[in-house]
Amino acid sequence: MSQATPVIRSRGSDRLFGLFRLVAVVEGVTTILLFFVAMPVKYLAGDASWVQVMGPVHGYAFVAYLALMVLALRGRGWSGGDWMRTAFASFVPFGTFLNDPFLKRRRAADGANAPA
């Protein structure tokens, strides 16, 4: 990992980062429910009502994920690859769950690099 500029963390930025991680879990759960529950019910049982409910719920979670990603990661000195990885995680089922350990490691590294 390249030498990043020091990050100044505040309680507010820590809370925002925690909120982002929570929304990432919600986005991941709604993706799984949409892809593996609602869509099969629609196409196998002919009941589109599940998709009509889960589609918008997932859409709002997805938009919240991207918006909070920008707010929570801005100013942390993360590389373009880190940003791309975190954004890409929202496009694949289980991606946000697989990306969470990376987020925790990066947050810990940010704390270690912060000025005392």
PDB file of N, CA and C in Angstrom:
ATOM      1  N   MET A   1       0.848  -1.173   0.000  1.00  0.00           N
ATOM      2  CA  MET A   1       0.000   0.000   0.000  1.00  0.00           C
ATOM      3  C   MET A   1       0.888   1.229   0.000  1.00  0.00           C
ATOM      4  N   SER A   2       0.531   2.210  -0.793  1.00  0.00           N
ATOM      5  CA  SER A   2       1.335   3.415  -0.904  1.00  0.00           C
ATOM      6  C   SER A   2       1.147   4.290   0.332  1.00  0.00           C
ATOM      7  N   GLN A   3       2.094   5.197   0.503  1.00  0.00           N
ATOM      8  CA  GLN A   3       2.059   6.115   1.629  1.00  0.00           C
ATOM      9  C   GLN A   3       0.928   7.115   1.410  1.00  0.00           C
ATOM     10  N   ALA A   4      -0.065   7.097   2.252  1.00  0.00           N
ATOM     11  CA  ALA A   4      -1.213   7.991   2.109  1.00  0.00           C
ATOM     12  C   ALA A   4      -1.010   9.228   2.968  1.00  0.00           C
ATOM     13  N   THR A   5      -1.699  10.283   2.610  1.00  0.00           N
ATOM     14  CA  THR A   5      -1.649  11.485   3.420  1.00  0.00           C
ATOM     15  C   THR A   5      -2.333  11.209   4.748  1.00  0.00           C
ATOM     16  N   PRO A   6      -1.865  11.844   5.828  1.00  0.00           N
ATOM     17  CA  PRO A   6      -2.485  11.593   7.129  1.00  0.00           C
ATOM     18  C   PRO A   6      -3.960  11.954   7.111  1.00  0.00           C
ATOM     19  N   VAL A   7      -4.714  11.183   7.826  1.00  0.00           N
ATOM     20  CA  VAL A   7      -6.157  11.370   7.879  1.00  0.00           C
ATOM     21  C   VAL A   7      -6.521  11.939   9.239  1.00  0.00           C
ATOM     22  N   ILE A   8      -7.299  12.989   9.235  1.00  0.00           N
ATOM     23  CA  ILE A   8      -7.787  13.559  10.483  1.00  0.00           C
ATOM     24  C   ILE A   8      -9.196  13.026  10.693  1.00  0.00           C
ATOM     25  N   ARG A   9      -9.324  12.204  11.738  1.00  0.00           N
ATOM     26  CA  ARG A   9     -10.625  11.596  12.009  1.00  0.00           C
ATOM     27  C   ARG A   9     -11.302  12.303  13.161  1.00  0.00           C
ATOM     28  N   SER A  10     -12.590  12.417  13.044  1.00  0.00           N
ATOM     29  CA  SER A  10     -13.386  12.981  14.120  1.00  0.00           C
ATOM     30  C   SER A  10     -14.454  11.969  14.494  1.00  0.00           C
ATOM     31  N   ARG A  11     -15.124  12.233  15.589  1.00  0.00           N
ATOM     32  CA  ARG A  11     -16.212  11.330  16.000  1.00  0.00           C
ATOM     33  C   ARG A  11     -17.292  11.273  14.927  1.00  0.00           C
ATOM     34  N   GLY A  12     -17.540  12.403  14.289  1.00  0.00           N
ATOM     35  CA  GLY A  12     -18.557  12.450  13.238  1.00  0.00           C
ATOM     36  C   GLY A  12     -18.177  11.592  12.049  1.00  0.00           C
ATOM     37  N   SER A  13     -16.896  11.639  11.655  1.00  0.00           N
ATOM     38  CA  SER A  13     -16.477  10.825  10.511  1.00  0.00           C
ATOM     39  C   SER A  13     -16.493   9.348  10.871  1.00  0.00           C
ATOM     40  N   ASP A  14     -16.181   9.022  12.134  1.00  0.00           N
ATOM     41  CA  ASP A  14     -16.257   7.626  12.569  1.00  0.00           C
ATOM     42  C   ASP A  14     -17.704   7.133  12.553  1.00  0.00           C
ATOM     43  N   ARG A  15     -18.620   7.968  13.001  1.00  0.00           N
ATOM     44  CA  ARG A  15     -20.043   7.591  12.976  1.00  0.00           C
ATOM     45  C   ARG A  15     -20.545   7.425  11.542  1.00  0.00           C
ATOM     46  N   LEU A  16     -20.113   8.318  10.679  1.00  0.00           N
ATOM     47  CA  LEU A  16     -20.512   8.234   9.276  1.00  0.00           C
ATOM     48  C   LEU A  16     -19.977   6.954   8.641  1.00  0.00           C
ATOM     49  N   PHE A  17     -18.738   6.597   8.970  1.00  0.00           N
ATOM     50  CA  PHE A  17     -18.162   5.366   8.447  1.00  0.00           C
ATOM     51  C   PHE A  17     -18.929   4.156   8.975  1.00  0.00           C
ATOM     52  N   GLY A  18     -19.291   4.175  10.255  1.00  0.00           N
ATOM     53  CA  GLY A  18     -20.095   3.092  10.830  1.00  0.00           C
ATOM     54  C   GLY A  18     -21.466   2.995  10.178  1.00  0.00           C
ATOM     55  N   LEU A  19     -22.086   4.142   9.905  1.00  0.00           N
ATOM     56  CA  LEU A  19     -23.375   4.156   9.215  1.00  0.00           C
ATOM     57  C   LEU A  19     -23.233   3.591   7.804  1.00  0.00           C
ATOM     58  N   PHE A  20     -22.138   3.948   7.134  1.00  0.00           N
ATOM     59  CA  PHE A  20     -21.889   3.399   5.805  1.00  0.00           C
ATOM     60  C   PHE A  20     -21.793   1.878   5.846  1.00  0.00           C
ATOM     61  N   ARG A  21     -21.078   1.342   6.822  1.00  0.00           N
ATOM     62  CA  ARG A  21     -20.958  -0.120   6.933  1.00  0.00           C
ATOM     63  C   ARG A  21     -22.315  -0.762   7.221  1.00  0.00           C
ATOM     64  N   LEU A  22     -23.150  -0.116   8.026  1.00  0.00           N
ATOM     65  CA  LEU A  22     -24.490  -0.640   8.298  1.00  0.00           C
ATOM     66  C   LEU A  22     -25.337  -0.634   7.026  1.00  0.00           C
ATOM     67  N   VAL A  23     -25.296   0.451   6.284  1.00  0.00           N
ATOM     68  CA  VAL A  23     -26.048   0.536   5.034  1.00  0.00           C
ATOM     69  C   VAL A  23     -25.521  -0.494   4.031  1.00  0.00           C
ATOM     70  N   ALA A  24     -24.226  -0.774   4.060  1.00  0.00           N
ATOM     71  CA  ALA A  24     -23.658  -1.800   3.184  1.00  0.00           C
ATOM     72  C   ALA A  24     -24.283  -3.165   3.474  1.00  0.00           C
ATOM     73  N   VAL A  25     -24.505  -3.468   4.748  1.00  0.00           N
ATOM     74  CA  VAL A  25     -25.154  -4.729   5.103  1.00  0.00           C
ATOM     75  C   VAL A  25     -26.598  -4.734   4.610  1.00  0.00           C
ATOM     76  N   VAL A  26     -27.304  -3.634   4.813  1.00  0.00           N
ATOM     77  CA  VAL A  26     -28.696  -3.541   4.352  1.00  0.00           C
ATOM     78  C   VAL A  26     -28.745  -3.700   2.830  1.00  0.00           C
ATOM     79  N   GLU A  27     -27.842  -3.042   2.114  1.00  0.00           N
ATOM     80  CA  GLU A  27     -27.806  -3.151   0.663  1.00  0.00           C
ATOM     81  C   GLU A  27     -27.540  -4.600   0.242  1.00  0.00           C
ATOM     82  N   GLY A  28     -26.634  -5.265   0.933  1.00  0.00           N
ATOM     83  CA  GLY A  28     -26.338  -6.664   0.624  1.00  0.00           C
ATOM     84  C   GLY A  28     -27.524  -7.575   0.876  1.00  0.00           C
ATOM     85  N   VAL A  29     -28.219  -7.360   1.979  1.00  0.00           N
ATOM     86  CA  VAL A  29     -29.394  -8.187   2.301  1.00  0.00           C
ATOM     87  C   VAL A  29     -30.495  -7.953   1.277  1.00  0.00           C
ATOM     88  N   THR A  30     -30.727  -6.696   0.898  1.00  0.00           N
ATOM     89  CA  THR A  30     -31.790  -6.435  -0.075  1.00  0.00           C
ATOM     90  C   THR A  30     -31.441  -7.005  -1.451  1.00  0.00           C
ATOM     91  N   THR A  31     -30.153  -7.017  -1.797  1.00  0.00           N
ATOM     92  CA  THR A  31     -29.736  -7.634  -3.063  1.00  0.00           C
ATOM     93  C   THR A  31     -30.055  -9.120  -3.053  1.00  0.00           C
ATOM     94  N   ILE A  32     -29.701  -9.784  -1.965  1.00  0.00           N
ATOM     95  CA  ILE A  32     -29.951 -11.225  -1.851  1.00  0.00           C
ATOM     96  C   ILE A  32     -31.452 -11.511  -1.885  1.00  0.00           C
ATOM     97  N   LEU A  33     -32.229 -10.730  -1.148  1.00  0.00           N
ATOM     98  CA  LEU A  33     -33.687 -10.945  -1.146  1.00  0.00           C
ATOM     99  C   LEU A  33     -34.286 -10.724  -2.534  1.00  0.00           C
ATOM    100  N   LEU A  34     -33.797  -9.702  -3.234  1.00  0.00           N
ATOM    101  CA  LEU A  34     -34.320  -9.429  -4.570  1.00  0.00           C
ATOM    102  C   LEU A  34     -33.943 -10.537  -5.549  1.00  0.00           C
ATOM    103  N   PHE A  35     -32.657 -10.888  -5.588  1.00  0.00           N
ATOM    104  CA  PHE A  35     -32.174 -11.857  -6.579  1.00  0.00           C
ATOM    105  C   PHE A  35     -32.579 -13.296  -6.267  1.00  0.00           C
ATOM    106  N   PHE A  36     -32.571 -13.664  -4.991  1.00  0.00           N
ATOM    107  CA  PHE A  36     -32.745 -15.076  -4.641  1.00  0.00           C
ATOM    108  C   PHE A  36     -34.091 -15.421  -4.013  1.00  0.00           C
ATOM    109  N   VAL A  37     -34.924 -14.414  -3.780  1.00  0.00           N
ATOM    110  CA  VAL A  37     -36.276 -14.682  -3.270  1.00  0.00           C
ATOM    111  C   VAL A  37     -37.315 -14.070  -4.212  1.00  0.00           C
ATOM    112  N   ALA A  38     -37.295 -12.747  -4.344  1.00  0.00           N
ATOM    113  CA  ALA A  38     -38.353 -12.064  -5.088  1.00  0.00           C
ATOM    114  C   ALA A  38     -38.374 -12.437  -6.570  1.00  0.00           C
ATOM    115  N   MET A  39     -37.215 -12.454  -7.214  1.00  0.00           N
ATOM    116  CA  MET A  39     -37.196 -12.772  -8.645  1.00  0.00           C
ATOM    117  C   MET A  39     -37.580 -14.225  -8.928  1.00  0.00           C
ATOM    118  N   PRO A  40     -37.086 -15.194  -8.153  1.00  0.00           N
ATOM    119  CA  PRO A  40     -37.575 -16.563  -8.384  1.00  0.00           C
ATOM    120  C   PRO A  40     -39.081 -16.705  -8.169  1.00  0.00           C
ATOM    121  N   VAL A  41     -39.620 -16.011  -7.152  1.00  0.00           N
ATOM    122  CA  VAL A  41     -41.074 -16.070  -6.940  1.00  0.00           C
ATOM    123  C   VAL A  41     -41.796 -15.482  -8.154  1.00  0.00           C
ATOM    124  N   LYS A  42     -41.257 -14.404  -8.703  1.00  0.00           N
ATOM    125  CA  LYS A  42     -41.884 -13.783  -9.868  1.00  0.00           C
ATOM    126  C   LYS A  42     -41.874 -14.738 -11.067  1.00  0.00           C
ATOM    127  N   TYR A  43     -40.717 -15.316 -11.352  1.00  0.00           N
ATOM    128  CA  TYR A  43     -40.589 -16.102 -12.576  1.00  0.00           C
ATOM    129  C   TYR A  43     -41.012 -17.560 -12.424  1.00  0.00           C
ATOM    130  N   LEU A  44     -40.972 -18.093 -11.228  1.00  0.00           N
ATOM    131  CA  LEU A  44     -41.377 -19.490 -11.040  1.00  0.00           C
ATOM    132  C   LEU A  44     -42.820 -19.634 -10.574  1.00  0.00           C
ATOM    133  N   ALA A  45     -43.290 -18.659  -9.804  1.00  0.00           N
ATOM    134  CA  ALA A  45     -44.654 -18.738  -9.282  1.00  0.00           C
ATOM    135  C   ALA A  45     -45.582 -17.714  -9.922  1.00  0.00           C
ATOM    136  N   GLY A  46     -45.038 -16.836 -10.753  1.00  0.00           N
ATOM    137  CA  GLY A  46     -45.876 -15.858 -11.441  1.00  0.00           C
ATOM    138  C   GLY A  46     -46.402 -14.749 -10.549  1.00  0.00           C
ATOM    139  N   ASP A  47     -45.766 -14.519  -9.396  1.00  0.00           N
ATOM    140  CA  ASP A  47     -46.222 -13.493  -8.461  1.00  0.00           C
ATOM    141  C   ASP A  47     -45.223 -12.335  -8.463  1.00  0.00           C
ATOM    142  N   ALA A  48     -45.551 -11.273  -9.186  1.00  0.00           N
ATOM    143  CA  ALA A  48     -44.641 -10.129  -9.331  1.00  0.00           C
ATOM    144  C   ALA A  48     -44.666  -9.191  -8.133  1.00  0.00           C
ATOM    145  N   SER A  49     -45.569  -9.396  -7.187  1.00  0.00           N
ATOM    146  CA  SER A  49     -45.692  -8.463  -6.069  1.00  0.00           C
ATOM    147  C   SER A  49     -44.429  -8.415  -5.207  1.00  0.00           C
ATOM    148  N   TRP A  50     -43.712  -9.507  -5.121  1.00  0.00           N
ATOM    149  CA  TRP A  50     -42.482  -9.523  -4.328  1.00  0.00           C
ATOM    150  C   TRP A  50     -41.443  -8.576  -4.936  1.00  0.00           C
ATOM    151  N   VAL A  51     -41.323  -8.607  -6.250  1.00  0.00           N
ATOM    152  CA  VAL A  51     -40.363  -7.721  -6.923  1.00  0.00           C
ATOM    153  C   VAL A  51     -40.833  -6.276  -6.825  1.00  0.00           C
ATOM    154  N   GLN A  52     -42.134  -6.049  -6.871  1.00  0.00           N
ATOM    155  CA  GLN A  52     -42.667  -4.693  -6.765  1.00  0.00           C
ATOM    156  C   GLN A  52     -42.373  -4.080  -5.401  1.00  0.00           C
ATOM    157  N   VAL A  53     -42.206  -4.922  -4.385  1.00  0.00           N
ATOM    158  CA  VAL A  53     -41.843  -4.430  -3.052  1.00  0.00           C
ATOM    159  C   VAL A  53     -40.327  -4.350  -2.900  1.00  0.00           C
ATOM    160  N   MET A  54     -39.638  -5.450  -3.204  1.00  0.00           N
ATOM    161  CA  MET A  54     -38.195  -5.521  -2.968  1.00  0.00           C
ATOM    162  C   MET A  54     -37.389  -4.656  -3.944  1.00  0.00           C
ATOM    163  N   GLY A  55     -37.883  -4.462  -5.167  1.00  0.00           N
ATOM    164  CA  GLY A  55     -37.159  -3.655  -6.141  1.00  0.00           C
ATOM    165  C   GLY A  55     -36.890  -2.244  -5.638  1.00  0.00           C
ATOM    166  N   PRO A  56     -37.924  -1.507  -5.253  1.00  0.00           N
ATOM    167  CA  PRO A  56     -37.684  -0.157  -4.737  1.00  0.00           C
ATOM    168  C   PRO A  56     -36.895  -0.131  -3.426  1.00  0.00           C
ATOM    169  N   VAL A  57     -37.144  -1.103  -2.543  1.00  0.00           N
ATOM    170  CA  VAL A  57     -36.388  -1.147  -1.277  1.00  0.00           C
ATOM    171  C   VAL A  57     -34.898  -1.296  -1.586  1.00  0.00           C
ATOM    172  N   HIS A  58     -34.589  -2.213  -2.486  1.00  0.00           N
ATOM    173  CA  HIS A  58     -33.191  -2.396  -2.868  1.00  0.00           C
ATOM    174  C   HIS A  58     -32.649  -1.149  -3.572  1.00  0.00           C
ATOM    175  N   GLY A  59     -33.449  -0.530  -4.413  1.00  0.00           N
ATOM    176  CA  GLY A  59     -33.016   0.685  -5.104  1.00  0.00           C
ATOM    177  C   GLY A  59     -32.632   1.794  -4.136  1.00  0.00           C
ATOM    178  N   TYR A  60     -33.454   2.018  -3.117  1.00  0.00           N
ATOM    179  CA  TYR A  60     -33.139   3.033  -2.117  1.00  0.00           C
ATOM    180  C   TYR A  60     -31.877   2.661  -1.338  1.00  0.00           C
ATOM    181  N   ALA A  61     -31.733   1.383  -1.003  1.00  0.00           N
ATOM    182  CA  ALA A  61     -30.536   0.936  -0.277  1.00  0.00           C
ATOM    183  C   ALA A  61     -29.287   1.135  -1.134  1.00  0.00           C
ATOM    184  N   PHE A  62     -29.406   0.851  -2.426  1.00  0.00           N
ATOM    185  CA  PHE A  62     -28.274   1.002  -3.343  1.00  0.00           C
ATOM    186  C   PHE A  62     -27.855   2.468  -3.450  1.00  0.00           C
ATOM    187  N   VAL A  63     -28.821   3.355  -3.615  1.00  0.00           N
ATOM    188  CA  VAL A  63     -28.521   4.792  -3.708  1.00  0.00           C
ATOM    189  C   VAL A  63     -27.923   5.289  -2.389  1.00  0.00           C
ATOM    190  N   ALA A  64     -28.468   4.840  -1.265  1.00  0.00           N
ATOM    191  CA  ALA A  64     -27.927   5.235   0.036  1.00  0.00           C
ATOM    192  C   ALA A  64     -26.492   4.743   0.192  1.00  0.00           C
ATOM    193  N   TYR A  65     -26.217   3.529  -0.264  1.00  0.00           N
ATOM    194  CA  TYR A  65     -24.853   2.974  -0.200  1.00  0.00           C
ATOM    195  C   TYR A  65     -23.884   3.870  -0.960  1.00  0.00           C
ATOM    196  N   LEU A  66     -24.219   4.203  -2.201  1.00  0.00           N
ATOM    197  CA  LEU A  66     -23.314   5.020  -3.014  1.00  0.00           C
ATOM    198  C   LEU A  66     -23.133   6.428  -2.429  1.00  0.00           C
ATOM    199  N   ALA A  67     -24.228   7.020  -1.963  1.00  0.00           N
ATOM    200  CA  ALA A  67     -24.135   8.367  -1.386  1.00  0.00           C
ATOM    201  C   ALA A  67     -23.295   8.357  -0.118  1.00  0.00           C
ATOM    202  N   LEU A  68     -23.545   7.395   0.752  1.00  0.00           N
ATOM    203  CA  LEU A  68     -22.775   7.320   1.991  1.00  0.00           C
ATOM    204  C   LEU A  68     -21.329   6.930   1.732  1.00  0.00           C
ATOM    205  N   MET A  69     -21.093   6.156   0.692  1.00  0.00           N
ATOM    206  CA  MET A  69     -19.717   5.809   0.344  1.00  0.00           C
ATOM    207  C   MET A  69     -18.929   7.086   0.063  1.00  0.00           C
ATOM    208  N   VAL A  70     -19.509   7.958  -0.735  1.00  0.00           N
ATOM    209  CA  VAL A  70     -18.831   9.213  -1.074  1.00  0.00           C
ATOM    210  C   VAL A  70     -18.606  10.057   0.184  1.00  0.00           C
ATOM    211  N   LEU A  71     -19.630  10.177   1.018  1.00  0.00           N
ATOM    212  CA  LEU A  71     -19.504  10.997   2.221  1.00  0.00           C
ATOM    213  C   LEU A  71     -18.532  10.408   3.232  1.00  0.00           C
ATOM    214  N   ALA A  72     -18.579   9.086   3.417  1.00  0.00           N
ATOM    215  CA  ALA A  72     -17.774   8.441   4.458  1.00  0.00           C
ATOM    216  C   ALA A  72     -16.320   8.249   4.055  1.00  0.00           C
ATOM    217  N   LEU A  73     -16.042   8.078   2.776  1.00  0.00           N
ATOM    218  CA  LEU A  73     -14.676   7.794   2.351  1.00  0.00           C
ATOM    219  C   LEU A  73     -13.914   9.030   1.896  1.00  0.00           C
ATOM    220  N   ARG A  74     -14.631  10.090   1.594  1.00  0.00           N
ATOM    221  CA  ARG A  74     -13.987  11.316   1.124  1.00  0.00           C
ATOM    222  C   ARG A  74     -13.022  11.846   2.189  1.00  0.00           C
ATOM    223  N   GLY A  75     -11.840  12.228   1.740  1.00  0.00           N
ATOM    224  CA  GLY A  75     -10.858  12.809   2.652  1.00  0.00           C
ATOM    225  C   GLY A  75     -10.061  11.810   3.450  1.00  0.00           C
ATOM    226  N   ARG A  76     -10.225  10.527   3.185  1.00  0.00           N
ATOM    227  CA  ARG A  76      -9.489   9.506   3.936  1.00  0.00           C
ATOM    228  C   ARG A  76      -8.195   9.091   3.246  1.00  0.00           C
ATOM    229  N   GLY A  77      -7.934   9.624   2.067  1.00  0.00           N
ATOM    230  CA  GLY A  77      -6.701   9.306   1.374  1.00  0.00           C
ATOM    231  C   GLY A  77      -6.693   7.925   0.732  1.00  0.00           C
ATOM    232  N   TRP A  78      -7.869   7.394   0.440  1.00  0.00           N
ATOM    233  CA  TRP A  78      -7.956   6.063  -0.176  1.00  0.00           C
ATOM    234  C   TRP A  78      -7.626   6.169  -1.660  1.00  0.00           C
ATOM    235  N   SER A  79      -7.040   5.122  -2.196  1.00  0.00           N
ATOM    236  CA  SER A  79      -6.668   5.105  -3.611  1.00  0.00           C
ATOM    237  C   SER A  79      -7.904   4.930  -4.487  1.00  0.00           C
ATOM    238  N   GLY A  80      -7.726   5.210  -5.772  1.00  0.00           N
ATOM    239  CA  GLY A  80      -8.815   4.987  -6.728  1.00  0.00           C
ATOM    240  C   GLY A  80      -9.253   3.533  -6.746  1.00  0.00           C
ATOM    241  N   GLY A  81      -8.289   2.623  -6.603  1.00  0.00           N
ATOM    242  CA  GLY A  81      -8.621   1.192  -6.560  1.00  0.00           C
ATOM    243  C   GLY A  81      -9.480   0.838  -5.361  1.00  0.00           C
ATOM    244  N   ASP A  82      -9.199   1.464  -4.214  1.00  0.00           N
ATOM    245  CA  ASP A  82     -10.012   1.224  -3.013  1.00  0.00           C
ATOM    246  C   ASP A  82     -11.446   1.700  -3.232  1.00  0.00           C
ATOM    247  N   TRP A  83     -11.580   2.867  -3.864  1.00  0.00           N
ATOM    248  CA  TRP A  83     -12.905   3.408  -4.168  1.00  0.00           C
ATOM    249  C   TRP A  83     -13.642   2.486  -5.141  1.00  0.00           C
ATOM    250  N   MET A  84     -12.930   2.054  -6.190  1.00  0.00           N
ATOM    251  CA  MET A  84     -13.564   1.188  -7.192  1.00  0.00           C
ATOM    252  C   MET A  84     -13.998  -0.136  -6.575  1.00  0.00           C
ATOM    253  N   ARG A  85     -13.150  -0.708  -5.755  1.00  0.00           N
ATOM    254  CA  ARG A  85     -13.485  -1.976  -5.102  1.00  0.00           C
ATOM    255  C   ARG A  85     -14.747  -1.814  -4.252  1.00  0.00           C
ATOM    256  N   THR A  86     -14.804  -0.734  -3.482  1.00  0.00           N
ATOM    257  CA  THR A  86     -15.943  -0.514  -2.595  1.00  0.00           C
ATOM    258  C   THR A  86     -17.214  -0.236  -3.393  1.00  0.00           C
ATOM    259  N   ALA A  87     -17.105   0.499  -4.485  1.00  0.00           N
ATOM    260  CA  ALA A  87     -18.275   0.740  -5.337  1.00  0.00           C
ATOM    261  C   ALA A  87     -18.707  -0.549  -6.025  1.00  0.00           C
ATOM    262  N   PHE A  88     -17.756  -1.300  -6.562  1.00  0.00           N
ATOM    263  CA  PHE A  88     -18.075  -2.544  -7.274  1.00  0.00           C
ATOM    264  C   PHE A  88     -18.759  -3.556  -6.366  1.00  0.00           C
ATOM    265  N   ALA A  89     -18.436  -3.528  -5.084  1.00  0.00           N
ATOM    266  CA  ALA A  89     -19.031  -4.473  -4.135  1.00  0.00           C
ATOM    267  C   ALA A  89     -20.556  -4.384  -4.113  1.00  0.00           C
ATOM    268  N   SER A  90     -21.094  -3.220  -4.423  1.00  0.00           N
ATOM    269  CA  SER A  90     -22.546  -3.059  -4.387  1.00  0.00           C
ATOM    270  C   SER A  90     -23.237  -3.617  -5.624  1.00  0.00           C
ATOM    271  N   PHE A  91     -22.465  -4.006  -6.623  1.00  0.00           N
ATOM    272  CA  PHE A  91     -23.050  -4.509  -7.864  1.00  0.00           C
ATOM    273  C   PHE A  91     -23.143  -6.031  -7.923  1.00  0.00           C
ATOM    274  N   VAL A  92     -22.551  -6.724  -6.963  1.00  0.00           N
ATOM    275  CA  VAL A  92     -22.561  -8.188  -6.991  1.00  0.00           C
ATOM    276  C   VAL A  92     -23.179  -8.732  -5.711  1.00  0.00           C
ATOM    277  N   PRO A  93     -23.998  -9.777  -5.845  1.00  0.00           N
ATOM    278  CA  PRO A  93     -24.524 -10.397  -4.623  1.00  0.00           C
ATOM    279  C   PRO A  93     -23.369 -10.835  -3.718  1.00  0.00           C
ATOM    280  N   PHE A  94     -23.517 -10.616  -2.447  1.00  0.00           N
ATOM    281  CA  PHE A  94     -22.529 -10.925  -1.411  1.00  0.00           C
ATOM    282  C   PHE A  94     -21.311  -9.993  -1.453  1.00  0.00           C
ATOM    283  N   GLY A  95     -21.254  -9.072  -2.416  1.00  0.00           N
ATOM    284  CA  GLY A  95     -20.096  -8.203  -2.543  1.00  0.00           C
ATOM    285  C   GLY A  95     -19.877  -7.309  -1.339  1.00  0.00           C
ATOM    286  N   THR A  96     -20.940  -6.739  -0.796  1.00  0.00           N
ATOM    287  CA  THR A  96     -20.765  -5.847   0.355  1.00  0.00           C
ATOM    288  C   THR A  96     -20.314  -6.626   1.583  1.00  0.00           C
ATOM    289  N   PHE A  97     -20.743  -7.893   1.691  1.00  0.00           N
ATOM    290  CA  PHE A  97     -20.303  -8.720   2.822  1.00  0.00           C
ATOM    291  C   PHE A  97     -18.827  -9.076   2.677  1.00  0.00           C
ATOM    292  N   LEU A  98     -18.420  -9.391   1.457  1.00  0.00           N
ATOM    293  CA  LEU A  98     -17.021  -9.744   1.207  1.00  0.00           C
ATOM    294  C   LEU A  98     -16.100  -8.534   1.341  1.00  0.00           C
ATOM    295  N   ASN A  99     -16.630  -7.342   1.098  1.00  0.00           N
ATOM    296  CA  ASN A  99     -15.830  -6.120   1.184  1.00  0.00           C
ATOM    297  C   ASN A  99     -15.708  -5.595   2.610  1.00  0.00           C
ATOM    298  N   ASP A 100     -16.583  -6.014   3.512  1.00  0.00           N
ATOM    299  CA  ASP A 100     -16.577  -5.454   4.863  1.00  0.00           C
ATOM    300  C   ASP A 100     -15.260  -5.670   5.611  1.00  0.00           C
ATOM    301  N   PRO A 101     -14.624  -6.853   5.551  1.00  0.00           N
ATOM    302  CA  PRO A 101     -13.326  -6.983   6.232  1.00  0.00           C
ATOM    303  C   PRO A 101     -12.281  -5.999   5.693  1.00  0.00           C
ATOM    304  N   PHE A 102     -12.322  -5.739   4.395  1.00  0.00           N
ATOM    305  CA  PHE A 102     -11.427  -4.747   3.796  1.00  0.00           C
ATOM    306  C   PHE A 102     -11.693  -3.370   4.401  1.00  0.00           C
ATOM    307  N   LEU A 103     -12.976  -3.004   4.530  1.00  0.00           N
ATOM    308  CA  LEU A 103     -13.323  -1.706   5.115  1.00  0.00           C
ATOM    309  C   LEU A 103     -12.807  -1.607   6.548  1.00  0.00           C
ATOM    310  N   LYS A 104     -12.964  -2.677   7.318  1.00  0.00           N
ATOM    311  CA  LYS A 104     -12.481  -2.660   8.700  1.00  0.00           C
ATOM    312  C   LYS A 104     -10.957  -2.509   8.760  1.00  0.00           C
ATOM    313  N   ARG A 105     -10.245  -3.221   7.901  1.00  0.00           N
ATOM    314  CA  ARG A 105      -8.777  -3.113   7.875  1.00  0.00           C
ATOM    315  C   ARG A 105      -8.340  -1.697   7.487  1.00  0.00           C
ATOM    316  N   ARG A 106      -8.966  -1.141   6.471  1.00  0.00           N
ATOM    317  CA  ARG A 106      -8.603   0.210   6.030  1.00  0.00           C
ATOM    318  C   ARG A 106      -8.913   1.242   7.106  1.00  0.00           C
ATOM    319  N   ARG A 107     -10.036   1.071   7.786  1.00  0.00           N
ATOM    320  CA  ARG A 107     -10.389   2.016   8.859  1.00  0.00           C
ATOM    321  C   ARG A 107      -9.358   1.938   9.984  1.00  0.00           C
ATOM    322  N   ALA A 108      -8.945   0.726  10.327  1.00  0.00           N
ATOM    323  CA  ALA A 108      -7.929   0.550  11.364  1.00  0.00           C
ATOM    324  C   ALA A 108      -6.604   1.178  10.917  1.00  0.00           C
ATOM    325  N   ALA A 109      -6.252   0.999   9.653  1.00  0.00           N
ATOM    326  CA  ALA A 109      -5.019   1.602   9.133  1.00  0.00           C
ATOM    327  C   ALA A 109      -5.109   3.111   9.140  1.00  0.00           C
ATOM    328  N   ASP A 110      -6.282   3.653   8.831  1.00  0.00           N
ATOM    329  CA  ASP A 110      -6.467   5.106   8.889  1.00  0.00           C
ATOM    330  C   ASP A 110      -6.235   5.618  10.312  1.00  0.00           C
ATOM    331  N   GLY A 111      -6.720   4.869  11.289  1.00  0.00           N
ATOM    332  CA  GLY A 111      -6.549   5.259  12.689  1.00  0.00           C
ATOM    333  C   GLY A 111      -5.097   5.217  13.117  1.00  0.00           C
ATOM    334  N   ALA A 112      -4.348   4.238  12.606  1.00  0.00           N
ATOM    335  CA  ALA A 112      -2.936   4.105  12.948  1.00  0.00           C
ATOM    336  C   ALA A 112      -2.111   5.228  12.318  1.00  0.00           C
ATOM    337  N   ASN A 113      -2.567   5.740  11.169  1.00  0.00           N
ATOM    338  CA  ASN A 113      -1.835   6.794  10.465  1.00  0.00           C
ATOM    339  C   ASN A 113      -2.254   8.196  10.899  1.00  0.00           C
ATOM    340  N   ALA A 114      -3.303   8.287  11.702  1.00  0.00           N
ATOM    341  CA  ALA A 114      -3.796   9.605  12.107  1.00  0.00           C
ATOM    342  C   ALA A 114      -2.822  10.266  13.080  1.00  0.00           C
ATOM    343  N   PRO A 115      -2.663  11.574  12.967  1.00  0.00           N
ATOM    344  CA  PRO A 115      -1.774  12.260  13.903  1.00  0.00           C
ATOM    345  C   PRO A 115      -2.312  12.204  15.325  1.00  0.00           C
ATOM    346  N   ALA A 116      -1.422  12.129  16.279  1.00  0.00           N
ATOM    347  CA  ALA A 116      -1.833  12.006  17.676  1.00  0.00           C
ATOM    348  C   ALA A 116      -2.251  13.327  18.259  1.00  0.00           C
TER     349      ALA A 116
END
